[in-house]
Amino acid sequence: MQASTKEANALHTNSNEGIGKMGKFDHCIFIGRFSPFQKAHEYILNEALNIASNVVIVIGSSNTARTVKNPWSADERQEMIAATLSDDLLARVQFIQINDYLYNDNLWVSALQSKIDVATDYSESVALIGFESDETSYYLKLFPQYKYVQCDTEYDFHATQVRDLYFSKDAAYKNMVPEHVYHWLERFRTTPQFEYVRQEKEFIDNYKEQWRGAPYSPTFITADCVVIKSGHILVVTRKHSPGKGLLALPGGFVGQKEKIQEAALRELKEETGIKINTPDLKKCIVESKIFDDPQRSARGRTITNAFLINLGIGPLPQIKAGDDAESCEWLALSDFYSMSDEFFEDHWSIVQNLISKF
């Protein structure tokens, strides 16, 4: 469903005069997750259309599993945005989808630069528009080759608030999104995907409630194992929320009386039943690394230490799911790279980061 040309043009001419005086660019880049596309996004998009002949909308966090933070696929978010534009305006818009590359900004920037170059036909008349709202907007400073245009809006709510209201079935979110996005979201509410995310949110909310009375926000420590052998990686399927049904690394929370490496190997044995004794597994650890992106877990501040265990070549050891794993399997690395949307939290990025040098 699309807005009428009259409605879209009315919004379009309501642009900030200060920005308009800057003159026209051939292209304007607008980067975001748009989860969902809300009124502040709509305002900035209209400003982008005002200062440039063409707009390239970059949809981040594509090819990720559905989570409370990313409930909608990149295609679904693109559909939301397109629904708000008239045919004439939509003809001036290109969409780019970009994967997250946590722990490797250079790889993310390189991949996006290449996509933008193609979309703009290597033009030198390119602007980058955005609103530096919080620490998550740091990416706006990673592209000095484009003319940065700061776009302040009158909307002071965040997409997180929209999602909280929406998945709590609070109709107040209607005032925070464009009308056509509201209708899109109401249709999505009838799908199994909505119910999956709603249950995940309910679990996360209850989880955080347990720590409400703490004198300070807790920090959790976990340990994970990246086990590779003969071109395969050992993964589990999660049995419970959060991330029920998603692929994950074997791992878990570090006990109060455990060293981190001991916890990692204990969780590996408990979740996969791998038929290799602990001392031999310890000998095969070739690297360990801390992964501490503040946003890596919806449960709260969770820091993990991942251990890369290289078992070399030969037959794959016997495994049997146990503990919190629904199942476990040896996944071919050729399949792994195309499955980022099936992994829990940042586990795909952890694997990609650790095994890239081997």
Protein backbone atom coordinates (compact mmCIF):
# COMPACT_ATOMS: atom_id res chain seq x y z
CA MET A 1 0.00 0.00 0.00
CA GLN A 2 1.50 3.36 -1.03
CA ALA A 3 0.92 6.97 -0.06
CA SER A 4 -0.73 9.14 -2.66
CA THR A 5 1.52 11.39 -4.74
CA LYS A 6 -0.20 14.41 -3.20
CA GLU A 7 0.52 13.23 0.35
CA ALA A 8 4.13 12.35 -0.42
CA ASN A 9 4.79 15.67 -2.19
CA ALA A 10 3.27 17.56 0.73
CA LEU A 11 5.74 15.87 3.06
CA HIS A 12 8.51 16.39 0.56
CA THR A 13 8.05 20.17 0.38
CA ASN A 14 7.97 20.42 4.16
CA SER A 15 11.77 20.16 4.24
CA ASN A 16 14.25 22.04 6.39
CA GLU A 17 15.16 25.29 4.62
CA GLY A 18 18.71 25.35 5.97
CA ILE A 19 19.49 22.02 4.35
CA GLY A 20 17.80 23.05 1.11
CA LYS A 21 20.18 26.01 0.76
CA MET A 22 23.12 23.63 0.54
CA GLY A 23 22.22 22.82 -3.05
CA LYS A 24 21.62 19.53 -4.78
CA PHE A 25 23.71 16.39 -4.71
CA ASP A 26 23.48 13.62 -7.24
CA HIS A 27 23.04 11.08 -4.45
CA CYS A 28 22.33 11.04 -0.74
CA ILE A 29 23.09 8.05 1.49
CA PHE A 30 20.76 7.25 4.38
CA ILE A 31 21.98 4.44 6.66
CA GLY A 32 19.90 2.75 9.35
CA ARG A 33 18.35 -0.42 10.67
CA PHE A 34 14.83 1.00 10.37
CA SER A 35 13.53 -1.49 12.89
CA PRO A 36 10.85 -0.34 12.35
CA PHE A 37 10.73 2.61 9.94
CA GLN A 38 9.32 5.38 12.15
CA LYS A 39 8.43 9.04 11.81
CA ALA A 40 11.94 10.36 12.48
CA HIS A 41 13.23 8.12 9.68
CA GLU A 42 10.48 9.39 7.39
CA TYR A 43 11.45 12.99 8.15
CA ILE A 44 15.13 12.36 7.37
CA LEU A 45 14.24 10.49 4.17
CA ASN A 46 12.21 13.46 2.99
CA GLU A 47 15.17 15.74 3.71
CA ALA A 48 17.41 13.41 1.69
CA LEU A 49 14.99 13.57 -1.24
CA ASN A 50 15.06 17.36 -0.95
CA ILE A 51 18.85 17.72 -1.24
CA ALA A 52 19.61 14.98 -3.77
CA SER A 53 18.33 13.72 -7.08
CA ASN A 54 18.59 10.14 -5.86
CA VAL A 55 18.64 8.53 -2.44
CA VAL A 56 20.41 5.31 -1.50
CA ILE A 57 18.85 3.74 1.60
CA VAL A 58 21.22 1.36 3.38
CA ILE A 59 19.41 -1.23 5.49
CA GLY A 60 21.78 -2.56 8.13
CA SER A 61 21.73 -5.79 10.13
CA SER A 62 20.56 -7.79 7.13
CA ASN A 63 20.76 -11.58 7.18
CA THR A 64 20.38 -11.85 10.94
CA ALA A 65 18.06 -14.05 12.96
CA ARG A 66 14.86 -12.53 14.28
CA THR A 67 15.44 -11.01 17.71
CA VAL A 68 13.82 -8.43 19.96
CA LYS A 69 16.25 -5.88 18.50
CA ASN A 70 15.89 -7.06 14.88
CA PRO A 71 12.36 -8.48 14.55
CA TRP A 72 12.07 -7.94 10.80
CA SER A 73 14.14 -9.15 7.87
CA ALA A 74 15.86 -6.62 5.62
CA ASP A 75 13.32 -7.39 2.87
CA GLU A 76 10.46 -6.70 5.28
CA ARG A 77 11.98 -3.38 6.39
CA GLN A 78 12.49 -2.42 2.75
CA GLU A 79 8.83 -3.20 2.13
CA MET A 80 7.82 -0.94 5.05
CA ILE A 81 9.81 1.99 3.65
CA ALA A 82 8.59 1.52 0.08
CA ALA A 83 4.98 1.52 1.31
CA THR A 84 5.36 5.14 2.47
CA LEU A 85 6.53 6.49 -0.92
CA SER A 86 4.64 7.49 -4.03
CA ASP A 87 5.67 5.84 -7.30
CA ASP A 88 7.48 9.02 -8.36
CA LEU A 89 9.56 9.21 -5.19
CA LEU A 90 10.18 5.48 -5.08
CA ALA A 91 11.71 5.76 -8.57
CA ARG A 92 14.40 8.00 -7.06
CA VAL A 93 15.29 5.54 -4.29
CA GLN A 94 17.67 2.58 -4.32
CA PHE A 95 17.95 0.06 -1.51
CA ILE A 96 21.17 -1.56 -0.29
CA GLN A 97 21.25 -4.32 2.30
CA ILE A 98 24.40 -4.79 4.36
CA ASN A 99 25.37 -7.49 6.86
CA ASP A 100 26.73 -6.70 10.29
CA TYR A 101 30.43 -7.40 10.72
CA LEU A 102 30.79 -7.12 14.46
CA TYR A 103 34.35 -6.73 15.69
CA ASN A 104 35.53 -5.68 12.22
CA ASP A 105 34.48 -2.14 11.25
CA ASN A 106 36.95 -2.10 8.36
CA LEU A 107 35.28 -5.09 6.72
CA TRP A 108 31.85 -3.50 7.16
CA VAL A 109 32.99 -0.15 5.76
CA SER A 110 34.76 -1.81 2.82
CA ALA A 111 31.72 -3.90 1.92
CA LEU A 112 29.40 -0.89 2.15
CA GLN A 113 31.71 1.42 0.20
CA SER A 114 31.75 -1.08 -2.66
CA LYS A 115 27.94 -1.29 -2.69
CA ILE A 116 27.60 2.52 -2.58
CA ASP A 117 30.12 2.96 -5.42
CA VAL A 118 28.03 0.68 -7.63
CA ALA A 119 24.73 2.29 -6.59
CA THR A 120 26.03 5.83 -7.27
CA ASP A 121 28.03 4.89 -10.37
CA TYR A 122 31.17 6.17 -8.61
CA SER A 123 29.79 9.70 -8.42
CA GLU A 124 31.70 12.38 -6.51
CA SER A 125 28.51 14.29 -5.69
CA VAL A 126 27.41 12.23 -2.70
CA ALA A 127 26.01 13.32 0.66
CA LEU A 128 25.54 11.26 3.81
CA ILE A 129 22.54 12.27 5.92
CA GLY A 130 21.86 11.26 9.48
CA PHE A 131 21.06 12.15 13.05
CA GLU A 132 23.70 11.56 15.72
CA SER A 133 21.34 10.39 18.43
CA ASP A 134 23.57 8.19 20.60
CA GLU A 135 26.65 5.96 20.59
CA THR A 136 25.05 3.67 17.99
CA SER A 137 25.41 6.48 15.42
CA TYR A 138 29.21 6.25 15.35
CA TYR A 139 29.11 4.83 11.81
CA LEU A 140 28.27 8.31 10.49
CA LYS A 141 31.92 9.26 11.04
CA LEU A 142 33.33 6.34 9.05
CA PHE A 143 32.76 7.90 5.62
CA PRO A 144 34.77 11.17 5.37
CA GLN A 145 34.63 11.00 1.55
CA TYR A 146 30.95 11.99 1.63
CA LYS A 147 29.54 15.39 2.62
CA TYR A 148 27.88 14.83 5.98
CA VAL A 149 24.51 16.49 6.51
CA GLN A 150 23.23 16.56 10.09
CA CYS A 151 19.44 16.32 10.18
CA ASP A 152 17.75 17.15 13.47
CA THR A 153 14.14 16.11 13.91
CA GLU A 154 11.39 17.05 16.32
CA TYR A 155 10.86 13.39 17.20
CA ASP A 156 12.66 12.43 20.41
CA PHE A 157 11.65 8.78 20.67
CA HIS A 158 13.79 5.83 19.62
CA ALA A 159 12.88 2.75 17.60
CA THR A 160 13.40 0.72 20.79
CA GLN A 161 10.39 2.48 22.32
CA VAL A 162 8.32 1.72 19.24
CA ARG A 163 9.21 -1.98 19.44
CA ASP A 164 8.49 -2.14 23.17
CA LEU A 165 5.01 -0.71 22.68
CA TYR A 166 4.31 -2.79 19.58
CA PHE A 167 5.27 -6.16 21.07
CA SER A 168 3.49 -5.27 24.31
CA LYS A 169 0.37 -4.76 22.15
CA ASP A 170 0.13 -1.12 23.21
CA ALA A 171 -1.66 0.87 20.48
CA ALA A 172 0.26 4.04 21.43
CA TYR A 173 2.98 3.06 18.96
CA LYS A 174 0.60 4.08 16.14
CA ASN A 175 1.54 7.74 16.67
CA MET A 176 5.24 6.97 16.22
CA VAL A 177 5.18 5.42 12.74
CA PRO A 178 3.87 6.50 9.32
CA GLU A 179 0.32 5.37 8.61
CA HIS A 180 1.30 2.81 5.99
CA VAL A 181 3.91 1.30 8.30
CA TYR A 182 1.26 1.01 11.00
CA HIS A 183 -0.98 -1.00 8.66
CA TRP A 184 1.99 -3.16 7.63
CA LEU A 185 2.85 -3.86 11.26
CA GLU A 186 -0.73 -4.71 12.13
CA ARG A 187 -0.72 -7.35 9.38
CA PHE A 188 2.59 -8.71 10.68
CA ARG A 189 1.00 -9.07 14.12
CA THR A 190 -1.03 -12.03 12.79
CA THR A 191 2.04 -14.06 11.78
CA PRO A 192 3.95 -16.81 13.66
CA GLN A 193 7.06 -14.62 13.38
CA PHE A 194 5.39 -11.95 15.53
CA GLU A 195 4.52 -14.51 18.18
CA TYR A 196 8.09 -15.86 18.22
CA VAL A 197 9.55 -12.40 18.85
CA ARG A 198 6.83 -11.57 21.40
CA GLN A 199 7.76 -14.66 23.41
CA GLU A 200 11.45 -13.76 23.18
CA LYS A 201 10.65 -10.26 24.47
CA GLU A 202 8.60 -11.68 27.32
CA PHE A 203 11.53 -13.88 28.35
CA ILE A 204 14.01 -10.98 28.15
CA ASP A 205 11.73 -8.68 30.16
CA ASN A 206 11.29 -11.31 32.89
CA TYR A 207 15.04 -12.00 32.88
CA LYS A 208 15.86 -8.33 33.42
CA GLU A 209 13.19 -8.01 36.10
CA GLN A 210 15.17 -10.41 38.29
CA TRP A 211 17.96 -7.82 38.48
CA ARG A 212 15.80 -4.74 38.95
CA GLY A 213 16.77 -4.40 42.63
CA ALA A 214 20.52 -4.75 42.05
CA PRO A 215 22.57 -1.74 43.26
CA TYR A 216 24.16 -1.55 39.81
CA SER A 217 23.57 -3.09 36.40
CA PRO A 218 25.03 -6.61 36.37
CA THR A 219 27.70 -7.78 33.94
CA PHE A 220 27.56 -11.44 32.96
CA ILE A 221 30.54 -13.56 31.94
CA THR A 222 30.14 -16.48 29.54
CA ALA A 223 32.48 -18.84 27.71
CA ASP A 224 32.05 -20.41 24.26
CA CYS A 225 33.89 -22.98 22.17
CA VAL A 226 34.57 -22.74 18.43
CA VAL A 227 35.48 -26.33 17.58
CA ILE A 228 36.64 -27.06 14.03
CA LYS A 229 37.72 -30.29 12.40
CA SER A 230 38.11 -31.36 8.77
CA GLY A 231 36.32 -28.30 7.38
CA HIS A 232 33.42 -28.52 9.84
CA ILE A 233 32.35 -26.55 12.92
CA LEU A 234 30.52 -27.97 15.92
CA VAL A 235 27.23 -26.15 16.64
CA VAL A 236 24.17 -26.72 18.79
CA THR A 237 20.51 -25.79 18.35
CA ARG A 238 19.16 -23.92 21.36
CA LYS A 239 16.36 -25.64 23.24
CA HIS A 240 15.07 -22.64 25.19
CA SER A 241 14.67 -18.88 24.97
CA PRO A 242 16.39 -16.64 24.27
CA GLY A 243 17.14 -17.79 20.74
CA LYS A 244 15.04 -20.95 20.87
CA GLY A 245 15.62 -22.95 17.69
CA LEU A 246 18.68 -20.96 16.58
CA LEU A 247 22.14 -22.31 15.96
CA ALA A 248 24.75 -21.41 18.54
CA LEU A 249 28.21 -22.19 19.82
CA PRO A 250 28.41 -24.64 22.73
CA GLY A 251 28.94 -22.54 25.82
CA GLY A 252 27.34 -20.88 28.79
CA PHE A 253 27.81 -18.92 31.98
CA VAL A 254 31.00 -19.15 34.01
CA GLY A 255 30.49 -20.57 37.49
CA GLN A 256 31.56 -18.62 40.56
CA LYS A 257 34.34 -21.11 41.32
CA GLU A 258 35.46 -21.79 37.73
CA LYS A 259 38.20 -20.45 35.55
CA ILE A 260 36.87 -19.28 32.19
CA GLN A 261 38.63 -21.99 30.17
CA GLU A 262 37.31 -24.67 32.51
CA ALA A 263 33.77 -23.35 32.07
CA ALA A 264 34.10 -23.37 28.27
CA LEU A 265 35.26 -26.99 28.15
CA ARG A 266 32.66 -28.09 30.71
CA GLU A 267 29.85 -26.52 28.65
CA LEU A 268 31.25 -28.09 25.48
CA LYS A 269 31.14 -31.55 27.03
CA GLU A 270 27.70 -31.04 28.59
CA GLU A 271 26.02 -29.69 25.46
CA THR A 272 27.60 -31.91 22.80
CA GLY A 273 28.91 -34.99 24.62
CA ILE A 274 31.94 -34.87 22.35
CA LYS A 275 33.99 -38.06 22.65
CA ILE A 276 37.32 -36.41 23.43
CA ASN A 277 38.65 -36.10 26.96
CA THR A 278 39.12 -32.65 28.49
CA PRO A 279 42.97 -32.69 28.65
CA ASP A 280 43.16 -33.47 24.92
CA LEU A 281 40.65 -30.73 24.12
CA LYS A 282 42.74 -28.29 26.12
CA LYS A 283 45.84 -29.17 24.07
CA CYS A 284 43.95 -28.27 20.88
CA ILE A 285 43.11 -24.70 21.92
CA VAL A 286 44.93 -22.49 19.40
CA GLU A 287 43.47 -19.11 20.33
CA SER A 288 41.12 -17.40 22.75
CA LYS A 289 39.55 -13.99 22.39
CA ILE A 290 37.19 -11.74 24.32
CA PHE A 291 34.03 -10.54 22.55
CA ASP A 292 32.48 -7.64 24.39
CA ASP A 293 30.26 -5.56 22.12
CA PRO A 294 27.93 -3.81 24.61
CA GLN A 295 24.92 -4.65 22.39
CA ARG A 296 25.79 -8.29 21.74
CA SER A 297 23.09 -9.70 24.01
CA ALA A 298 19.51 -8.57 24.64
CA ARG A 299 19.79 -10.01 28.16
CA GLY A 300 22.11 -7.21 29.25
CA ARG A 301 25.85 -6.59 29.42
CA THR A 302 27.33 -9.99 28.61
CA ILE A 303 31.00 -10.53 27.88
CA THR A 304 32.16 -13.82 26.43
CA ASN A 305 35.54 -15.43 26.01
CA ALA A 306 35.60 -17.74 22.99
CA PHE A 307 38.14 -20.54 22.60
CA LEU A 308 39.14 -21.77 19.16
CA ILE A 309 39.75 -25.53 19.30
CA ASN A 310 41.33 -26.95 16.15
CA LEU A 311 41.06 -30.75 16.09
CA GLY A 312 42.90 -31.03 12.78
CA ILE A 313 41.83 -33.50 10.10
CA GLY A 314 40.29 -36.94 10.23
CA PRO A 315 36.92 -38.50 11.09
CA LEU A 316 34.46 -36.27 12.94
CA PRO A 317 34.15 -37.23 16.64
CA GLN A 318 30.90 -38.64 17.95
CA ILE A 319 28.55 -36.10 19.54
CA LYS A 320 25.21 -36.25 21.34
CA ALA A 321 23.10 -33.28 22.42
CA GLY A 322 22.60 -32.73 26.12
CA ASP A 323 21.92 -30.02 28.70
CA ASP A 324 20.39 -26.91 27.04
CA ALA A 325 20.88 -28.11 23.46
CA GLU A 326 17.95 -29.35 21.36
CA SER A 327 20.44 -30.97 19.00
CA CYS A 328 24.05 -30.69 17.87
CA GLU A 329 25.80 -31.21 14.56
CA TRP A 330 29.00 -30.86 12.61
CA LEU A 331 28.25 -28.07 10.15
CA ALA A 332 30.31 -27.81 6.95
CA LEU A 333 32.10 -24.46 6.77
CA SER A 334 30.89 -24.09 3.18
CA ASP A 335 27.34 -24.00 4.61
CA PHE A 336 28.22 -21.89 7.65
CA TYR A 337 29.08 -18.75 5.68
CA SER A 338 25.59 -18.52 4.16
CA MET A 339 23.74 -19.08 7.44
CA SER A 340 24.27 -15.86 9.41
CA ASP A 341 20.49 -15.46 9.74
CA GLU A 342 20.23 -18.74 11.65
CA PHE A 343 22.68 -17.99 14.46
CA PHE A 344 22.07 -16.77 18.00
CA GLU A 345 23.24 -13.29 19.00
CA ASP A 346 26.76 -12.62 17.62
CA HIS A 347 27.88 -16.26 17.42
CA TRP A 348 28.21 -16.19 13.63
CA SER A 349 30.46 -13.13 13.87
CA ILE A 350 32.56 -14.77 16.59
CA VAL A 351 33.20 -17.77 14.39
CA GLN A 352 33.91 -15.65 11.33
CA ASN A 353 36.34 -13.55 13.34
CA LEU A 354 38.25 -16.44 14.91
CA ILE A 355 38.58 -18.80 11.95
CA SER A 356 39.42 -16.19 9.30
CA LYS A 357 43.15 -16.49 10.02
CA PHE A 358 43.16 -20.30 9.86
